[in-house]
Protein backbone atom coordinates (compact mmCIF):
# COMPACT_ATOMS: atom_id res chain seq x y z
CA MET A 1 99.76 126.11 125.17
CA GLN A 2 96.53 124.24 124.47
CA LYS A 3 95.13 127.34 122.74
CA TYR A 4 98.08 127.41 120.34
CA ILE A 5 97.70 123.70 119.62
CA ASP A 6 94.00 124.20 118.87
CA ASP A 7 94.76 127.18 116.60
CA PHE A 8 97.40 125.15 114.78
CA LEU A 9 95.01 122.25 114.23
CA GLN A 10 92.42 124.66 112.83
CA HIS A 11 95.10 126.00 110.48
CA LEU A 12 95.90 122.46 109.29
CA LYS A 13 92.25 121.61 108.76
CA TYR A 14 90.97 124.73 107.03
CA GLU A 15 94.04 126.27 105.40
CA ARG A 16 96.19 123.27 104.55
CA ASN A 17 93.29 120.84 104.05
CA VAL A 18 95.07 117.91 105.68
CA SER A 19 93.22 114.60 106.04
CA GLU A 20 91.43 113.63 109.24
CA HIS A 21 94.03 110.90 109.77
CA THR A 22 96.90 113.40 109.55
CA LEU A 23 95.05 115.81 111.81
CA ARG A 24 94.62 113.14 114.49
CA ASN A 25 98.32 112.28 114.32
CA TYR A 26 99.36 115.92 114.77
CA GLU A 27 96.99 116.34 117.70
CA SER A 28 98.19 113.15 119.38
CA ASP A 29 101.88 114.02 118.94
CA LEU A 30 101.50 117.58 120.21
CA VAL A 31 99.38 116.62 123.22
CA GLN A 32 101.96 113.96 124.16
CA PHE A 33 104.68 116.63 124.13
CA TYR A 34 102.42 118.92 126.19
CA ASP A 35 101.94 116.09 128.70
CA TYR A 36 105.73 115.82 128.94
CA ILE A 37 106.49 119.49 129.63
CA ALA A 38 103.36 120.18 131.72
CA PRO A 39 101.78 116.94 132.94
CA PRO A 40 98.20 117.37 134.18
CA ASP A 41 97.46 116.85 137.85
CA LYS A 42 94.71 114.56 139.14
CA ASN A 43 92.15 117.28 138.38
CA GLY A 44 93.44 117.75 134.82
CA ALA A 45 94.99 121.14 135.57
CA ARG A 46 98.41 122.04 134.12
CA ARG A 47 101.03 124.58 135.04
CA THR A 48 101.44 127.56 132.74
CA VAL A 49 103.96 126.93 129.97
CA GLU A 50 106.18 129.75 128.72
CA LEU A 51 106.65 128.89 125.04
CA ARG A 52 109.88 130.90 124.77
CA ALA A 53 111.37 128.73 127.49
CA ILE A 54 111.11 125.63 125.27
CA ASP A 55 114.48 125.15 123.60
CA ASN A 56 116.25 122.45 121.60
CA LEU A 57 117.50 120.83 124.83
CA THR A 58 113.91 120.39 126.00
CA ILE A 59 113.05 118.60 122.77
CA ARG A 60 116.20 116.47 122.88
CA GLU A 61 115.36 115.40 126.43
CA TYR A 62 111.87 114.48 125.17
CA MET A 63 113.47 112.40 122.41
CA GLY A 64 115.57 110.65 125.03
CA LEU A 65 112.43 109.73 126.94
CA LEU A 66 110.88 108.30 123.77
CA TYR A 67 114.00 106.19 123.17
CA ASP A 68 113.86 104.96 126.79
CA LYS A 69 110.27 103.89 126.17
CA LYS A 70 111.48 101.84 123.18
CA LYS A 71 109.44 103.86 120.69
CA LYS A 72 110.12 103.06 117.03
CA LYS A 73 112.41 105.39 115.13
CA SER A 74 109.63 106.07 112.66
CA SER A 75 107.34 107.14 115.50
CA ILE A 76 109.98 109.45 117.01
CA HIS A 77 110.70 110.88 113.55
CA ARG A 78 107.02 111.72 113.09
CA LYS A 79 106.71 113.33 116.53
CA ILE A 80 109.74 115.57 115.97
CA ALA A 81 108.42 116.52 112.53
CA ALA A 82 105.09 117.48 114.13
CA LEU A 83 106.87 119.70 116.67
CA ARG A 84 108.98 121.29 113.96
CA THR A 85 105.87 122.14 111.93
CA PHE A 86 104.01 123.41 115.00
CA PHE A 87 106.81 125.76 116.09
CA ARG A 88 107.32 126.95 112.52
CA TYR A 89 103.65 127.94 112.50
CA LEU A 90 104.11 129.85 115.78
CA CYS A 91 107.11 131.69 114.29
CA ARG A 92 105.09 132.63 111.23
CA GLU A 93 102.32 133.95 113.45
CA GLY A 94 104.81 136.10 115.37
CA ILE A 95 104.33 134.20 118.62
CA LEU A 96 107.91 132.87 118.62
CA GLU A 97 111.09 134.24 117.08
CA VAL A 98 113.03 130.99 116.88
CA ASN A 99 111.90 127.45 116.08
CA PRO A 100 113.40 125.30 118.89
CA ALA A 101 112.89 122.09 116.94
CA LYS A 102 114.79 123.32 113.88
CA MET A 103 118.19 122.34 115.28
CA VAL A 104 117.03 118.93 116.53
CA SER A 105 117.99 116.09 114.19
CA SER A 106 115.40 113.39 113.64
CA PRO A 107 116.47 109.74 113.84
CA ARG A 108 117.36 108.19 110.53
CA VAL A 109 114.54 105.90 109.45
CA GLU A 110 115.35 103.04 107.12
CA ARG A 111 113.02 103.00 104.15
CA THR A 112 111.46 99.56 103.85
CA LEU A 113 110.63 98.23 100.42
CA PRO A 114 106.90 98.01 99.73
CA ASN A 115 105.37 94.56 99.94
CA HIS A 116 103.77 93.54 96.66
CA LEU A 117 102.41 90.52 94.78
CA THR A 118 103.40 89.11 91.44
CA ILE A 119 100.86 89.46 88.63
CA GLY A 120 99.91 85.79 88.98
CA GLN A 121 99.47 86.08 92.73
CA MET A 122 97.41 89.24 92.31
CA VAL A 123 95.03 87.62 89.81
CA LYS A 124 94.60 84.62 92.10
CA PHE A 125 93.97 86.83 95.13
CA ILE A 126 91.42 89.08 93.41
CA GLU A 127 89.48 86.05 92.22
CA THR A 128 89.21 84.58 95.74
CA PRO A 129 85.79 86.07 96.73
CA GLU A 130 82.77 83.92 95.90
CA THR A 131 80.68 86.14 93.63
CA GLU A 132 77.41 84.25 94.14
CA THR A 133 76.61 86.46 97.14
CA VAL A 134 76.06 90.21 97.44
CA LEU A 135 79.02 90.64 99.77
CA GLY A 136 81.15 88.48 97.49
CA LYS A 137 80.32 90.72 94.53
CA ARG A 138 81.14 93.77 96.66
CA ASP A 139 84.47 92.34 97.78
CA ARG A 140 85.44 91.39 94.23
CA ALA A 141 84.59 94.91 93.04
CA MET A 142 86.68 96.49 95.81
CA LEU A 143 89.70 94.28 95.12
CA GLU A 144 89.46 94.83 91.36
CA LEU A 145 89.23 98.60 91.77
CA LEU A 146 92.03 98.83 94.34
CA TYR A 147 94.40 97.02 91.99
CA ALA A 148 93.10 98.60 88.77
CA SER A 149 93.43 102.19 90.00
CA GLY A 150 96.00 102.08 92.81
CA LEU A 151 93.61 103.77 95.22
CA ARG A 152 94.34 104.21 98.90
CA VAL A 153 91.79 102.35 101.02
CA SER A 154 90.65 105.68 102.48
CA GLU A 155 89.94 106.88 98.94
CA LEU A 156 88.05 103.70 98.10
CA VAL A 157 85.68 103.87 101.08
CA ASN A 158 84.94 107.56 100.43
CA LEU A 159 83.87 107.01 96.82
CA ASN A 160 80.39 108.19 95.89
CA LEU A 161 78.30 106.99 92.96
CA ILE A 162 78.81 110.29 91.12
CA ASP A 163 82.58 109.72 91.24
CA ILE A 164 82.40 106.77 88.82
CA ASP A 165 82.35 107.52 85.09
CA PHE A 166 81.62 104.23 83.33
CA SER A 167 81.70 105.73 79.83
CA ASN A 168 85.32 106.86 80.25
CA GLN A 169 86.17 104.16 82.82
CA THR A 170 87.53 106.61 85.38
CA VAL A 171 86.97 107.44 89.04
CA ARG A 172 87.28 110.87 90.61
CA VAL A 173 89.27 110.54 93.80
CA LYS A 174 89.79 112.94 96.68
CA GLY A 175 93.21 112.10 98.06
CA LYS A 176 95.55 113.52 100.68
CA GLY A 177 95.14 117.22 101.30
CA ARG A 178 91.69 116.90 99.70
CA LYS A 179 93.33 117.05 96.29
CA GLU A 180 91.23 115.60 93.50
CA ARG A 181 92.54 113.45 90.68
CA ILE A 182 91.01 111.34 87.91
CA VAL A 183 92.19 107.72 87.71
CA PRO A 184 91.31 105.15 85.02
CA PHE A 185 90.22 101.56 85.61
CA GLY A 186 90.14 98.58 83.28
CA ASP A 187 87.49 96.25 81.88
CA HIS A 188 87.73 93.70 84.71
CA ALA A 189 87.08 96.37 87.32
CA LYS A 190 84.28 97.80 85.19
CA GLN A 191 82.52 94.43 85.02
CA ALA A 192 82.99 93.78 88.74
CA LEU A 193 81.56 97.21 89.56
CA HIS A 194 78.55 96.60 87.30
CA ASP A 195 77.92 93.24 88.96
CA TYR A 196 78.10 94.74 92.43
CA LEU A 197 76.05 97.86 91.72
CA GLY A 198 73.33 95.62 90.31
CA VAL A 199 72.78 94.14 93.78
CA ARG A 200 73.90 97.08 95.93
CA SER A 201 70.28 97.96 96.70
CA GLU A 202 70.02 94.76 98.75
CA LEU A 203 72.61 96.16 101.17
CA LEU A 204 71.01 99.60 101.15
CA ALA A 205 67.72 98.04 102.22
CA GLU A 206 69.37 96.82 105.43
CA ALA A 207 70.32 100.30 106.65
CA GLU A 208 68.47 102.18 109.38
CA LEU A 209 66.90 105.31 107.93
CA GLU A 210 68.98 107.70 110.01
CA LYS A 211 72.19 105.96 108.94
CA VAL A 212 71.47 105.69 105.21
CA ASP A 213 74.15 107.14 102.93
CA PRO A 214 72.62 106.67 99.47
CA LEU A 215 75.66 108.13 97.68
CA ALA A 216 78.19 105.65 99.08
CA VAL A 217 79.52 103.14 96.56
CA PHE A 218 80.70 100.46 98.98
CA MET A 219 78.60 99.44 101.98
CA ASN A 220 78.82 96.97 104.81
CA TYR A 221 76.28 94.25 105.55
CA GLN A 222 74.24 96.79 107.56
CA GLY A 223 73.83 99.04 104.55
CA THR A 224 76.07 101.86 105.78
CA ARG A 225 79.31 103.15 104.25
CA ILE A 226 82.12 100.66 104.73
CA THR A 227 85.14 101.67 106.83
CA THR A 228 88.88 101.27 106.19
CA ARG A 229 89.03 98.85 109.12
CA SER A 230 86.37 96.67 107.52
CA VAL A 231 88.31 96.60 104.25
CA GLY A 232 91.39 95.51 106.19
CA ARG A 233 89.47 92.67 107.83
CA MET A 234 88.06 91.66 104.45
CA ILE A 235 91.54 91.44 102.93
CA ASP A 236 92.85 89.48 105.93
CA LYS A 237 90.01 86.98 105.42
CA TYR A 238 90.93 86.36 101.79
CA VAL A 239 94.64 86.14 102.56
CA LYS A 240 93.83 83.18 104.83
CA GLN A 241 91.79 81.56 102.05
CA CYS A 242 94.38 82.12 99.32
CA ALA A 243 97.32 79.72 99.49
CA GLU A 244 100.90 80.98 98.95
CA ILE A 245 99.95 84.58 99.80
CA HIS A 246 101.01 85.96 103.17
CA HIS A 247 101.69 89.27 104.92
CA ILE A 248 99.47 91.27 102.58
CA SER A 249 97.87 94.52 103.68
CA PRO A 250 95.33 96.69 101.85
CA HIS A 251 98.22 98.96 100.82
CA SER A 252 99.93 96.00 99.14
CA LEU A 253 97.43 96.21 96.28
CA ARG A 254 98.48 99.83 95.72
CA HIS A 255 102.15 98.84 95.80
CA SER A 256 101.49 96.04 93.33
CA PHE A 257 99.65 98.43 91.01
CA ALA A 258 102.65 100.78 90.90
CA THR A 259 105.26 98.04 90.62
CA HIS A 260 103.50 96.26 87.75
CA LEU A 261 103.11 99.55 85.85
CA LEU A 262 106.80 100.29 86.27
CA ASP A 263 107.76 96.78 85.16
CA ALA A 264 105.64 97.26 82.04
CA GLY A 265 107.48 100.45 81.10
CA ALA A 266 105.35 103.25 82.58
CA ASP A 267 107.37 106.34 83.52
CA LEU A 268 107.58 107.56 87.10
CA ARG A 269 105.80 110.86 86.42
CA THR A 270 102.74 109.01 85.14
CA ILE A 271 102.74 106.67 88.14
CA GLN A 272 103.13 109.69 90.43
CA GLU A 273 100.00 111.26 88.94
CA LEU A 274 98.00 108.03 89.18
CA LEU A 275 98.98 107.47 92.81
CA GLY A 276 98.43 111.09 93.80
CA HIS A 277 101.91 111.51 95.27
CA ALA A 278 102.85 115.12 96.00
CA ARG A 279 106.58 114.40 95.54
CA LEU A 280 108.30 112.27 92.92
CA SER A 281 110.70 111.02 95.61
CA THR A 282 107.78 109.10 97.16
CA THR A 283 107.14 107.33 93.87
CA GLN A 284 110.83 106.55 93.34
CA GLN A 285 110.70 103.86 96.01
CA TYR A 286 109.22 101.59 93.33
CA THR A 287 112.43 101.71 91.32
CA HIS A 288 114.02 99.68 94.14
CA VAL A 289 111.15 97.20 94.12
CA SER A 290 111.63 96.62 90.41
CA MET A 291 115.41 96.14 90.58
CA ASP A 292 115.03 92.37 90.14
CA LYS A 293 113.09 93.00 86.93
CA LEU A 294 115.76 95.41 85.69
CA MET A 295 118.53 92.90 86.42
CA GLU A 296 116.59 90.19 84.62
CA VAL A 297 116.30 92.37 81.51
CA TYR A 298 119.99 93.31 81.79
CA ASP A 299 121.12 89.68 82.04
CA LYS A 300 119.05 88.73 78.98
CA SER A 301 119.97 91.74 76.87
CA HIS A 302 123.53 92.89 77.56
CA PRO A 303 126.23 91.09 75.54
CA LYS A 304 128.70 91.22 78.44
CA ALA A 305 126.19 90.39 81.19
């Protein structure tokens, strides 16, 4: 079975162009299922698995084990989706005739509303970094750009210098599935980027020669490309410094970007393009976030409100 898992992962990487994060999730979910149906012995050897012997009952029993282990519904939903995609691939390749996961219902996952800041809170949060230092200028530029363009943190850390077009105030972003899009940014982000890039060389000078990435826009204090984990720690640090703001993640800036655009009258299709969502249904979650705004307008405007 391991051979088929490896072939499937190669298919995802080179034919479907999924992100490294998605690839790791698929691999982890499939190997966990493999461990369930053919657990390795102390030497790492497994019994031979007959793929055609795996049926919907096998997968339902696996789901039952996940429930017994108190796994979250969202986690179980993802694992079943991974199995369904894997077996669909095997059917397409002629290895199986029937997808055993097709008849297995995934647990219903409640969609949680995105956490976001008000415009006032966002302005206060972005202005938290002290811009007298190089790292302060870098942090301010990252926060400004995250909010100005709605980038995912993974897209932010992968930006290269050639991706920024200052004349048109746009960034070229490679999002999920390696799909490229062009996203605008405003004057505040432009100024913050200029301020940071003016001192970026001080960080670059700290890097060891073999680790230098001269194209990277954002770097850590060692002069190497910053990671998503570092951005998360940076945001946590400023959350602690900024009063009245709690429970904010890096993704909250992206949620705030979309919510504030919707509140200002932007249409969902435009927001979908800016965020790089493949499906409009993903973007529609922001209509729920903005319901308070809609009710406020209704109460002020409707004669019978």
